[in-house]
Amino acid sequence: MSKRQSLLSEAREIQLAIELIQAGARPQVLESETSLSRERLLKLYKEVKGVSPPKGMLPYSTDWFLTWMPNVHGSLYINIYRYIVKNTECKGIEAVLRSYRLYLEYLQSNDIEEVLSFTRAWTLVRFFEGRMLETKPCSKCRGQFIVHPDDLHENFLCGLCHMPSRAGKTKKSKAADESVAYHKVA
């Protein structure tokens, strides 16, 4: 009986690892969230993606989430995550994965460029669990946005209500501007 259960649990672990790899999880995330060996995860990654996994360290600074565009996307994601955890039976890595899929679905349906990778979303949840980041309501729109817990938040304005001068200058918007300018000349 225990052998059968261990085979079933291993199958679940492999399925979870495949879903995480497809979402873009890095090897360190896979090792942290599954009980599969590193060698097995690397083989599985190569089989699923067709390439070796990326090397390097995971994001480790909360500062990235406090810059304009990452803050907007991170705030969207963390609010989706909190909603999933609060209103469903989904917890842990399954909640992170489900929230990330909803985040991507929202972006695709609104033709918005992806900013938050799965690994960043996973890291963001860990930062919130460690109380390294929190959300505060914008004093204008009342939306919940990521802030550093040690900063002053009286009369806080989010990045959408108080956009920086270079806001929205992404590759996609620059290409669209160039296309419009080209068509005006032609």
N, C-alpha and C. Protein backbone atom coordinates (compact mmCIF):
# COMPACT_ATOMS: atom_id res chain seq x y z
N MET A 1 0.82 -1.19 0.00
CA MET A 1 0.00 0.00 0.00
C MET A 1 0.87 1.26 0.00
N SER A 2 1.89 1.31 0.85
CA SER A 2 2.73 2.50 0.91
C SER A 2 3.52 2.68 -0.39
N LYS A 3 3.91 1.58 -1.05
CA LYS A 3 4.61 1.67 -2.32
C LYS A 3 3.70 2.31 -3.37
N ARG A 4 2.42 1.91 -3.34
CA ARG A 4 1.46 2.46 -4.29
C ARG A 4 1.24 3.95 -4.01
N GLN A 5 1.13 4.30 -2.75
CA GLN A 5 0.98 5.71 -2.39
C GLN A 5 2.20 6.51 -2.79
N SER A 6 3.39 5.94 -2.61
CA SER A 6 4.60 6.67 -2.97
C SER A 6 4.68 6.87 -4.48
N LEU A 7 4.21 5.90 -5.26
CA LEU A 7 4.17 6.07 -6.71
C LEU A 7 3.18 7.16 -7.10
N LEU A 8 2.03 7.20 -6.44
CA LEU A 8 1.04 8.23 -6.72
C LEU A 8 1.55 9.61 -6.31
N SER A 9 2.18 9.70 -5.16
CA SER A 9 2.70 11.00 -4.72
C SER A 9 3.84 11.45 -5.63
N GLU A 10 4.66 10.50 -6.09
CA GLU A 10 5.73 10.86 -7.02
C GLU A 10 5.14 11.34 -8.35
N ALA A 11 4.08 10.70 -8.80
CA ALA A 11 3.42 11.13 -10.04
C ALA A 11 2.86 12.54 -9.88
N ARG A 12 2.29 12.83 -8.72
CA ARG A 12 1.78 14.19 -8.45
C ARG A 12 2.92 15.21 -8.44
N GLU A 13 4.04 14.83 -7.83
CA GLU A 13 5.20 15.71 -7.79
C GLU A 13 5.72 16.00 -9.20
N ILE A 14 5.78 14.97 -10.03
CA ILE A 14 6.24 15.14 -11.41
C ILE A 14 5.27 16.04 -12.18
N GLN A 15 3.97 15.83 -12.00
CA GLN A 15 2.98 16.67 -12.68
C GLN A 15 3.09 18.12 -12.22
N LEU A 16 3.28 18.34 -10.93
CA LEU A 16 3.46 19.69 -10.41
C LEU A 16 4.72 20.32 -11.01
N ALA A 17 5.82 19.56 -11.04
CA ALA A 17 7.07 20.07 -11.61
C ALA A 17 6.88 20.45 -13.08
N ILE A 18 6.16 19.65 -13.84
CA ILE A 18 5.90 19.94 -15.25
C ILE A 18 5.11 21.25 -15.37
N GLU A 19 4.07 21.41 -14.56
CA GLU A 19 3.26 22.64 -14.60
C GLU A 19 4.10 23.85 -14.23
N LEU A 20 4.97 23.71 -13.24
CA LEU A 20 5.84 24.81 -12.82
C LEU A 20 6.84 25.17 -13.92
N ILE A 21 7.41 24.16 -14.56
CA ILE A 21 8.35 24.39 -15.66
C ILE A 21 7.64 25.10 -16.81
N GLN A 22 6.45 24.66 -17.15
CA GLN A 22 5.69 25.29 -18.22
C GLN A 22 5.35 26.74 -17.90
N ALA A 23 5.16 27.04 -16.62
CA ALA A 23 4.87 28.41 -16.19
C ALA A 23 6.13 29.28 -16.19
N GLY A 24 7.29 28.65 -16.23
CA GLY A 24 8.55 29.40 -16.26
C GLY A 24 9.37 29.34 -14.99
N ALA A 25 9.06 28.40 -14.11
CA ALA A 25 9.80 28.29 -12.85
C ALA A 25 11.26 27.92 -13.10
N ARG A 26 12.14 28.52 -12.34
CA ARG A 26 13.55 28.22 -12.41
C ARG A 26 13.84 26.99 -11.54
N PRO A 27 15.00 26.32 -11.76
CA PRO A 27 15.32 25.10 -11.00
C PRO A 27 15.27 25.27 -9.48
N GLN A 28 15.68 26.44 -8.97
CA GLN A 28 15.66 26.66 -7.53
C GLN A 28 14.23 26.61 -6.98
N VAL A 29 13.27 27.11 -7.76
CA VAL A 29 11.87 27.07 -7.35
C VAL A 29 11.39 25.63 -7.34
N LEU A 30 11.74 24.88 -8.38
CA LEU A 30 11.35 23.47 -8.47
C LEU A 30 11.89 22.68 -7.28
N GLU A 31 13.14 22.92 -6.94
CA GLU A 31 13.75 22.21 -5.81
C GLU A 31 13.06 22.56 -4.50
N SER A 32 12.66 23.80 -4.37
CA SER A 32 12.02 24.26 -3.14
C SER A 32 10.60 23.71 -2.99
N GLU A 33 9.90 23.54 -4.10
CA GLU A 33 8.48 23.19 -4.05
C GLU A 33 8.16 21.73 -4.32
N THR A 34 9.15 20.94 -4.71
CA THR A 34 8.92 19.51 -4.92
C THR A 34 9.96 18.72 -4.14
N SER A 35 9.72 17.44 -4.02
CA SER A 35 10.69 16.58 -3.32
C SER A 35 11.54 15.79 -4.31
N LEU A 36 11.45 16.13 -5.59
CA LEU A 36 12.23 15.43 -6.61
C LEU A 36 13.69 15.85 -6.54
N SER A 37 14.59 14.95 -6.93
CA SER A 37 16.02 15.26 -6.88
C SER A 37 16.38 16.30 -7.93
N ARG A 38 17.48 16.99 -7.69
CA ARG A 38 17.95 18.01 -8.62
C ARG A 38 18.21 17.42 -10.00
N GLU A 39 18.83 16.26 -10.04
CA GLU A 39 19.14 15.61 -11.32
C GLU A 39 17.85 15.28 -12.09
N ARG A 40 16.87 14.80 -11.37
CA ARG A 40 15.59 14.46 -12.00
C ARG A 40 14.89 15.71 -12.52
N LEU A 41 14.95 16.77 -11.75
CA LEU A 41 14.33 18.03 -12.16
C LEU A 41 15.02 18.61 -13.39
N LEU A 42 16.35 18.51 -13.45
CA LEU A 42 17.07 19.01 -14.62
C LEU A 42 16.72 18.23 -15.87
N LYS A 43 16.63 16.91 -15.74
CA LYS A 43 16.22 16.07 -16.88
C LYS A 43 14.79 16.41 -17.31
N LEU A 44 13.92 16.57 -16.35
CA LEU A 44 12.53 16.90 -16.63
C LEU A 44 12.44 18.27 -17.31
N TYR A 45 13.22 19.22 -16.83
CA TYR A 45 13.23 20.56 -17.43
C TYR A 45 13.64 20.48 -18.90
N LYS A 46 14.72 19.76 -19.17
CA LYS A 46 15.20 19.62 -20.55
C LYS A 46 14.16 18.94 -21.43
N GLU A 47 13.48 17.95 -20.88
CA GLU A 47 12.45 17.23 -21.64
C GLU A 47 11.25 18.13 -21.94
N VAL A 48 10.83 18.92 -20.97
CA VAL A 48 9.66 19.79 -21.15
C VAL A 48 9.97 20.99 -22.03
N LYS A 49 11.08 21.68 -21.76
CA LYS A 49 11.42 22.92 -22.47
C LYS A 49 12.27 22.69 -23.72
N GLY A 50 13.00 21.56 -23.75
CA GLY A 50 13.87 21.30 -24.90
C GLY A 50 15.23 21.99 -24.79
N VAL A 51 15.47 22.68 -23.70
CA VAL A 51 16.74 23.37 -23.46
C VAL A 51 17.13 23.20 -21.99
N SER A 52 18.40 23.47 -21.73
CA SER A 52 18.86 23.43 -20.34
C SER A 52 18.25 24.60 -19.57
N PRO A 53 18.03 24.43 -18.27
CA PRO A 53 17.45 25.52 -17.48
C PRO A 53 18.42 26.69 -17.35
N PRO A 54 17.88 27.89 -17.12
CA PRO A 54 18.75 29.05 -16.93
C PRO A 54 19.55 28.91 -15.63
N LYS A 55 20.72 29.48 -15.65
CA LYS A 55 21.58 29.45 -14.47
C LYS A 55 21.52 30.81 -13.79
N GLY A 56 22.05 30.87 -12.61
CA GLY A 56 22.12 32.15 -11.91
C GLY A 56 21.24 32.18 -10.68
N MET A 57 21.39 33.26 -9.95
CA MET A 57 20.67 33.41 -8.69
C MET A 57 19.24 33.85 -8.93
N LEU A 58 18.39 33.57 -7.96
CA LEU A 58 17.02 34.05 -7.99
C LEU A 58 17.00 35.51 -7.57
N PRO A 59 15.93 36.22 -7.94
CA PRO A 59 15.81 37.61 -7.46
C PRO A 59 15.78 37.61 -5.93
N TYR A 60 16.50 38.52 -5.33
CA TYR A 60 16.57 38.51 -3.87
C TYR A 60 16.25 39.85 -3.23
N SER A 61 16.04 40.89 -4.04
CA SER A 61 15.81 42.22 -3.49
C SER A 61 14.35 42.63 -3.63
N THR A 62 13.82 43.24 -2.59
CA THR A 62 12.45 43.75 -2.65
C THR A 62 12.37 45.02 -3.49
N ASP A 63 13.49 45.67 -3.72
CA ASP A 63 13.50 46.95 -4.44
C ASP A 63 12.88 46.86 -5.83
N TRP A 64 13.06 45.77 -6.53
CA TRP A 64 12.52 45.62 -7.88
C TRP A 64 11.01 45.83 -7.89
N PHE A 65 10.33 45.33 -6.86
CA PHE A 65 8.87 45.42 -6.79
C PHE A 65 8.38 46.83 -6.44
N LEU A 66 9.28 47.72 -6.07
CA LEU A 66 8.89 49.06 -5.69
C LEU A 66 9.05 50.06 -6.85
N THR A 67 9.66 49.64 -7.96
CA THR A 67 9.75 50.50 -9.13
C THR A 67 8.42 50.49 -9.87
N TRP A 68 8.19 51.48 -10.72
CA TRP A 68 6.85 51.75 -11.25
C TRP A 68 6.16 50.54 -11.90
N MET A 69 6.61 50.07 -13.02
CA MET A 69 5.92 49.00 -13.75
C MET A 69 5.88 47.69 -12.95
N PRO A 70 6.99 47.24 -12.37
CA PRO A 70 6.92 46.04 -11.55
C PRO A 70 5.95 46.17 -10.37
N ASN A 71 5.83 47.38 -9.82
CA ASN A 71 4.91 47.60 -8.71
C ASN A 71 3.47 47.41 -9.15
N VAL A 72 3.12 47.96 -10.30
CA VAL A 72 1.75 47.82 -10.81
C VAL A 72 1.44 46.35 -11.07
N HIS A 73 2.34 45.64 -11.75
CA HIS A 73 2.12 44.22 -12.06
C HIS A 73 2.18 43.35 -10.81
N GLY A 74 3.14 43.62 -9.94
CA GLY A 74 3.24 42.87 -8.70
C GLY A 74 2.01 43.06 -7.82
N SER A 75 1.49 44.29 -7.78
CA SER A 75 0.30 44.58 -6.99
C SER A 75 -0.91 43.85 -7.56
N LEU A 76 -1.03 43.85 -8.89
CA LEU A 76 -2.11 43.09 -9.54
C LEU A 76 -2.01 41.62 -9.15
N TYR A 77 -0.80 41.06 -9.29
CA TYR A 77 -0.61 39.64 -8.98
C TYR A 77 -0.92 39.33 -7.50
N ILE A 78 -0.38 40.11 -6.58
CA ILE A 78 -0.55 39.78 -5.15
C ILE A 78 -2.01 39.91 -4.74
N ASN A 79 -2.75 40.81 -5.36
CA ASN A 79 -4.18 40.92 -5.07
C ASN A 79 -4.95 39.72 -5.61
N ILE A 80 -4.56 39.22 -6.78
CA ILE A 80 -5.17 37.99 -7.31
C ILE A 80 -4.85 36.84 -6.37
N TYR A 81 -3.59 36.73 -5.95
CA TYR A 81 -3.16 35.66 -5.06
C TYR A 81 -3.95 35.68 -3.75
N ARG A 82 -4.07 36.85 -3.16
CA ARG A 82 -4.81 36.95 -1.89
C ARG A 82 -6.27 36.56 -2.07
N TYR A 83 -6.87 36.94 -3.18
CA TYR A 83 -8.25 36.58 -3.46
C TYR A 83 -8.40 35.06 -3.57
N ILE A 84 -7.49 34.42 -4.29
CA ILE A 84 -7.51 32.95 -4.46
C ILE A 84 -7.39 32.26 -3.11
N VAL A 85 -6.43 32.68 -2.31
CA VAL A 85 -6.20 32.05 -1.00
C VAL A 85 -7.41 32.25 -0.09
N LYS A 86 -7.98 33.43 -0.11
CA LYS A 86 -9.10 33.75 0.79
C LYS A 86 -10.39 33.04 0.38
N ASN A 87 -10.63 32.89 -0.92
CA ASN A 87 -11.93 32.42 -1.40
C ASN A 87 -11.96 31.02 -1.98
N THR A 88 -10.87 30.30 -1.93
CA THR A 88 -10.84 28.92 -2.42
C THR A 88 -10.11 28.04 -1.42
N GLU A 89 -10.08 26.77 -1.71
CA GLU A 89 -9.33 25.82 -0.88
C GLU A 89 -7.87 25.76 -1.32
N CYS A 90 -7.51 26.50 -2.33
CA CYS A 90 -6.18 26.47 -2.92
C CYS A 90 -5.18 27.16 -2.00
N LYS A 91 -4.07 26.50 -1.73
CA LYS A 91 -3.03 27.03 -0.85
C LYS A 91 -1.66 26.73 -1.44
N GLY A 92 -0.63 27.32 -0.88
CA GLY A 92 0.74 27.00 -1.23
C GLY A 92 1.07 27.25 -2.69
N ILE A 93 1.87 26.36 -3.24
CA ILE A 93 2.36 26.53 -4.61
C ILE A 93 1.21 26.45 -5.62
N GLU A 94 0.16 25.69 -5.30
CA GLU A 94 -0.99 25.63 -6.22
C GLU A 94 -1.66 27.01 -6.32
N ALA A 95 -1.74 27.74 -5.22
CA ALA A 95 -2.31 29.09 -5.24
C ALA A 95 -1.41 30.04 -6.02
N VAL A 96 -0.11 29.91 -5.87
CA VAL A 96 0.84 30.74 -6.61
C VAL A 96 0.67 30.49 -8.11
N LEU A 97 0.59 29.22 -8.49
CA LEU A 97 0.46 28.83 -9.89
C LEU A 97 -0.88 29.28 -10.47
N ARG A 98 -1.95 29.04 -9.77
CA ARG A 98 -3.28 29.43 -10.26
C ARG A 98 -3.38 30.96 -10.40
N SER A 99 -2.84 31.68 -9.43
CA SER A 99 -2.85 33.14 -9.47
C SER A 99 -2.03 33.65 -10.65
N TYR A 100 -0.90 33.00 -10.91
CA TYR A 100 -0.06 33.42 -12.02
C TYR A 100 -0.77 33.19 -13.36
N ARG A 101 -1.46 32.08 -13.47
CA ARG A 101 -2.23 31.82 -14.70
C ARG A 101 -3.32 32.87 -14.90
N LEU A 102 -3.99 33.26 -13.83
CA LEU A 102 -5.01 34.31 -13.93
C LEU A 102 -4.39 35.66 -14.29
N TYR A 103 -3.23 35.94 -13.72
CA TYR A 103 -2.50 37.17 -14.06
C TYR A 103 -2.19 37.19 -15.56
N LEU A 104 -1.65 36.09 -16.10
CA LEU A 104 -1.34 36.02 -17.53
C LEU A 104 -2.59 36.13 -18.39
N GLU A 105 -3.65 35.47 -17.97
CA GLU A 105 -4.92 35.53 -18.70
C GLU A 105 -5.43 36.98 -18.77
N TYR A 106 -5.34 37.69 -17.67
CA TYR A 106 -5.76 39.09 -17.65
C TYR A 106 -4.92 39.93 -18.62
N LEU A 107 -3.61 39.73 -18.59
CA LEU A 107 -2.73 40.49 -19.48
C LEU A 107 -3.05 40.20 -20.94
N GLN A 108 -3.21 38.92 -21.27
CA GLN A 108 -3.49 38.55 -22.66
C GLN A 108 -4.82 39.11 -23.13
N SER A 109 -5.83 39.07 -22.28
CA SER A 109 -7.15 39.56 -22.68
C SER A 109 -7.18 41.07 -22.85
N ASN A 110 -6.22 41.78 -22.25
CA ASN A 110 -6.15 43.24 -22.35
C ASN A 110 -4.96 43.70 -23.18
N ASP A 111 -4.28 42.76 -23.85
CA ASP A 111 -3.13 43.06 -24.71
C ASP A 111 -2.08 43.89 -23.98
N ILE A 112 -1.71 43.41 -22.78
CA ILE A 112 -0.72 44.09 -21.94
C ILE A 112 0.54 43.22 -21.90
N GLU A 113 1.67 43.86 -21.98
CA GLU A 113 2.96 43.17 -21.96
C GLU A 113 3.24 42.57 -20.58
N GLU A 114 3.71 41.33 -20.55
CA GLU A 114 4.03 40.65 -19.29
C GLU A 114 5.28 41.26 -18.66
N VAL A 115 5.21 41.54 -17.38
CA VAL A 115 6.34 42.10 -16.65
C VAL A 115 6.82 41.11 -15.58
N LEU A 116 5.89 40.41 -14.98
CA LEU A 116 6.17 39.53 -13.85
C LEU A 116 6.36 38.09 -14.32
N SER A 117 7.56 37.56 -14.16
CA SER A 117 7.80 36.15 -14.48
C SER A 117 7.24 35.28 -13.35
N PHE A 118 7.11 33.99 -13.61
CA PHE A 118 6.61 33.10 -12.56
C PHE A 118 7.54 33.12 -11.35
N THR A 119 8.84 33.10 -11.60
CA THR A 119 9.80 33.10 -10.50
C THR A 119 9.69 34.37 -9.67
N ARG A 120 9.48 35.50 -10.32
CA ARG A 120 9.27 36.76 -9.58
C ARG A 120 7.98 36.71 -8.77
N ALA A 121 6.92 36.14 -9.34
CA ALA A 121 5.65 36.02 -8.62
C ALA A 121 5.84 35.14 -7.38
N TRP A 122 6.52 34.03 -7.53
CA TRP A 122 6.80 33.12 -6.42
C TRP A 122 7.62 33.84 -5.34
N THR A 123 8.63 34.60 -5.79
CA THR A 123 9.47 35.36 -4.86
C THR A 123 8.65 36.42 -4.13
N LEU A 124 7.75 37.07 -4.86
CA LEU A 124 6.90 38.10 -4.26
C LEU A 124 6.07 37.52 -3.12
N VAL A 125 5.48 36.36 -3.33
CA VAL A 125 4.70 35.72 -2.28
C VAL A 125 5.58 35.43 -1.07
N ARG A 126 6.78 34.98 -1.30
CA ARG A 126 7.71 34.71 -0.19
C ARG A 126 8.07 36.00 0.56
N PHE A 127 8.24 37.10 -0.18
CA PHE A 127 8.51 38.38 0.47
C PHE A 127 7.34 38.81 1.34
N PHE A 128 6.11 38.55 0.88
CA PHE A 128 4.95 38.89 1.70
C PHE A 128 4.85 37.99 2.92
N GLU A 129 5.12 36.70 2.73
CA GLU A 129 5.07 35.78 3.87
C GLU A 129 6.12 36.15 4.91
N GLY A 130 7.27 36.65 4.46
CA GLY A 130 8.34 37.07 5.38
C GLY A 130 8.16 38.50 5.88
N ARG A 131 7.05 39.12 5.51
CA ARG A 131 6.73 40.50 5.91
C ARG A 131 7.80 41.51 5.49
N MET A 132 8.43 41.21 4.36
CA MET A 132 9.41 42.12 3.80
C MET A 132 8.73 43.17 2.92
N LEU A 133 7.52 42.86 2.47
CA LEU A 133 6.69 43.78 1.70
C LEU A 133 5.26 43.68 2.22
N GLU A 134 4.47 44.71 1.96
CA GLU A 134 3.06 44.70 2.31
C GLU A 134 2.32 45.57 1.29
N THR A 135 1.00 45.64 1.39
CA THR A 135 0.24 46.54 0.52
C THR A 135 -0.41 47.61 1.37
N LYS A 136 -0.59 48.75 0.73
CA LYS A 136 -1.31 49.88 1.33
C LYS A 136 -2.25 50.44 0.29
N PRO A 137 -3.38 50.99 0.73
CA PRO A 137 -4.31 51.58 -0.24
C PRO A 137 -3.82 52.94 -0.74
N CYS A 138 -4.02 53.17 -2.02
CA CYS A 138 -3.72 54.47 -2.61
C CYS A 138 -4.75 55.46 -2.05
N SER A 139 -4.32 56.63 -1.67
CA SER A 139 -5.24 57.61 -1.08
C SER A 139 -6.20 58.19 -2.12
N LYS A 140 -5.93 57.97 -3.40
CA LYS A 140 -6.81 58.49 -4.45
C LYS A 140 -7.76 57.41 -4.99
N CYS A 141 -7.20 56.30 -5.51
CA CYS A 141 -8.04 55.27 -6.14
C CYS A 141 -8.45 54.16 -5.18
N ARG A 142 -7.81 54.07 -4.01
CA ARG A 142 -8.08 53.07 -2.96
C ARG A 142 -7.61 51.66 -3.32
N GLY A 143 -6.93 51.49 -4.45
CA GLY A 143 -6.37 50.19 -4.80
C GLY A 143 -5.23 49.83 -3.87
N GLN A 144 -5.01 48.54 -3.67
CA GLN A 144 -3.94 48.05 -2.80
C GLN A 144 -2.66 47.89 -3.61
N PHE A 145 -1.58 48.57 -3.20
CA PHE A 145 -0.32 48.52 -3.93
C PHE A 145 0.82 48.14 -3.00
N ILE A 146 1.83 47.53 -3.57
CA ILE A 146 3.00 47.05 -2.82
C ILE A 146 3.81 48.23 -2.31
N VAL A 147 4.17 48.15 -1.04
CA VAL A 147 5.03 49.15 -0.41
C VAL A 147 6.01 48.44 0.52
N HIS A 148 7.04 49.15 0.90
CA HIS A 148 7.97 48.63 1.90
C HIS A 148 7.38 48.93 3.28
N PRO A 149 7.37 47.97 4.18
CA PRO A 149 6.73 48.18 5.48
C PRO A 149 7.35 49.31 6.32
N ASP A 150 8.61 49.63 6.10
CA ASP A 150 9.27 50.65 6.91
C ASP A 150 9.13 52.07 6.36
N ASP A 151 8.57 52.20 5.14
CA ASP A 151 8.39 53.54 4.56
C ASP A 151 7.17 54.22 5.16
N LEU A 152 7.11 55.53 5.02
CA LEU A 152 5.95 56.30 5.45
C LEU A 152 4.88 56.21 4.37
N HIS A 153 3.63 55.99 4.76
CA HIS A 153 2.57 55.76 3.78
C HIS A 153 1.40 56.70 3.91
N GLU A 154 1.56 57.78 4.68
CA GLU A 154 0.48 58.75 4.81
C GLU A 154 0.30 59.45 3.46
N ASN A 155 -0.94 59.53 2.98
CA ASN A 155 -1.27 60.13 1.68
C ASN A 155 -0.53 59.44 0.53
N PHE A 156 -0.39 58.13 0.62
CA PHE A 156 0.29 57.34 -0.41
C PHE A 156 -0.47 57.42 -1.73
N LEU A 157 0.25 57.69 -2.82
CA LEU A 157 -0.32 57.67 -4.17
C LEU A 157 0.37 56.56 -4.95
N CYS A 158 -0.44 55.73 -5.59
CA CYS A 158 0.10 54.60 -6.36
C CYS A 158 0.73 55.10 -7.66
N GLY A 159 1.41 54.22 -8.35
CA GLY A 159 2.06 54.55 -9.61
C GLY A 159 1.09 54.80 -10.75
N LEU A 160 -0.16 54.43 -10.60
CA LEU A 160 -1.16 54.71 -11.63
C LEU A 160 -1.78 56.10 -11.44
N CYS A 161 -1.95 56.50 -10.21
CA CYS A 161 -2.52 57.83 -9.93
C CYS A 161 -1.45 58.93 -10.01
N HIS A 162 -0.21 58.56 -9.78
CA HIS A 162 0.90 59.52 -9.84
C HIS A 162 2.01 58.89 -10.68
N MET A 163 1.80 58.88 -12.01
CA MET A 163 2.75 58.22 -12.91
C MET A 163 4.05 59.01 -13.05
N PRO A 164 5.17 58.30 -13.07
CA PRO A 164 6.44 58.97 -13.34
C PRO A 164 6.47 59.46 -14.79
N SER A 165 7.34 60.40 -15.10
CA SER A 165 7.36 61.02 -16.43
C SER A 165 7.65 60.01 -17.54
N ARG A 166 8.40 58.96 -17.27
CA ARG A 166 8.74 57.98 -18.31
C ARG A 166 7.83 56.76 -18.28
N ALA A 167 6.76 56.84 -17.58
CA ALA A 167 5.84 55.71 -17.46
C ALA A 167 5.29 55.31 -18.81
N GLY A 168 5.19 54.00 -19.03
CA GLY A 168 4.60 53.49 -20.27
C GLY A 168 5.56 53.42 -21.43
N LYS A 169 6.83 53.72 -21.22
CA LYS A 169 7.82 53.69 -22.30
C LYS A 169 8.41 52.29 -22.44
N THR A 170 7.56 51.32 -22.78
CA THR A 170 8.00 49.94 -22.95
C THR A 170 8.37 49.71 -24.40
N LYS A 171 9.00 48.59 -24.69
CA LYS A 171 9.35 48.24 -26.07
C LYS A 171 8.11 48.18 -26.95
N LYS A 172 7.05 47.62 -26.41
CA LYS A 172 5.82 47.47 -27.18
C LYS A 172 5.22 48.84 -27.52
N SER A 173 5.17 49.76 -26.55
CA SER A 173 4.60 51.08 -26.81
C SER A 173 5.50 51.89 -27.74
N LYS A 174 6.81 51.72 -27.64
CA LYS A 174 7.75 52.41 -28.51
C LYS A 174 7.56 51.93 -29.95
N ALA A 175 7.41 50.62 -30.13
CA ALA A 175 7.19 50.07 -31.47
C ALA A 175 5.87 50.57 -32.05
N ALA A 176 4.84 50.67 -31.22
CA ALA A 176 3.54 51.17 -31.68
C ALA A 176 3.65 52.64 -32.08
N ASP A 177 4.39 53.44 -31.29
CA ASP A 177 4.59 54.86 -31.61
C ASP A 177 5.35 55.01 -32.93
N GLU A 178 6.38 54.18 -33.13
CA GLU A 178 7.14 54.23 -34.38
C GLU A 178 6.28 53.84 -35.57
N SER A 179 5.40 52.86 -35.38
CA SER A 179 4.51 52.42 -36.45
C SER A 179 3.54 53.53 -36.83
N VAL A 180 2.98 54.21 -35.84
CA VAL A 180 2.05 55.33 -36.08
C VAL A 180 2.80 56.45 -36.81
N ALA A 181 4.01 56.77 -36.35
CA ALA A 181 4.79 57.84 -36.98
C ALA A 181 5.12 57.48 -38.42
N TYR A 182 5.45 56.23 -38.71
CA TYR A 182 5.77 55.77 -40.05
C TYR A 182 4.55 55.92 -40.96
N HIS A 183 3.38 55.53 -40.48
CA HIS A 183 2.16 55.60 -41.29
C HIS A 183 1.74 57.05 -41.56
N LYS A 184 2.06 57.96 -40.63
CA LYS A 184 1.75 59.38 -40.85
C LYS A 184 2.62 59.95 -41.95
N VAL A 185 3.90 59.52 -42.02
CA VAL A 185 4.83 60.01 -43.03
C VAL A 185 4.50 59.40 -44.38
N ALA A 186 4.14 58.13 -44.40
CA ALA A 186 3.89 57.41 -45.65
C ALA A 186 2.59 57.76 -46.30
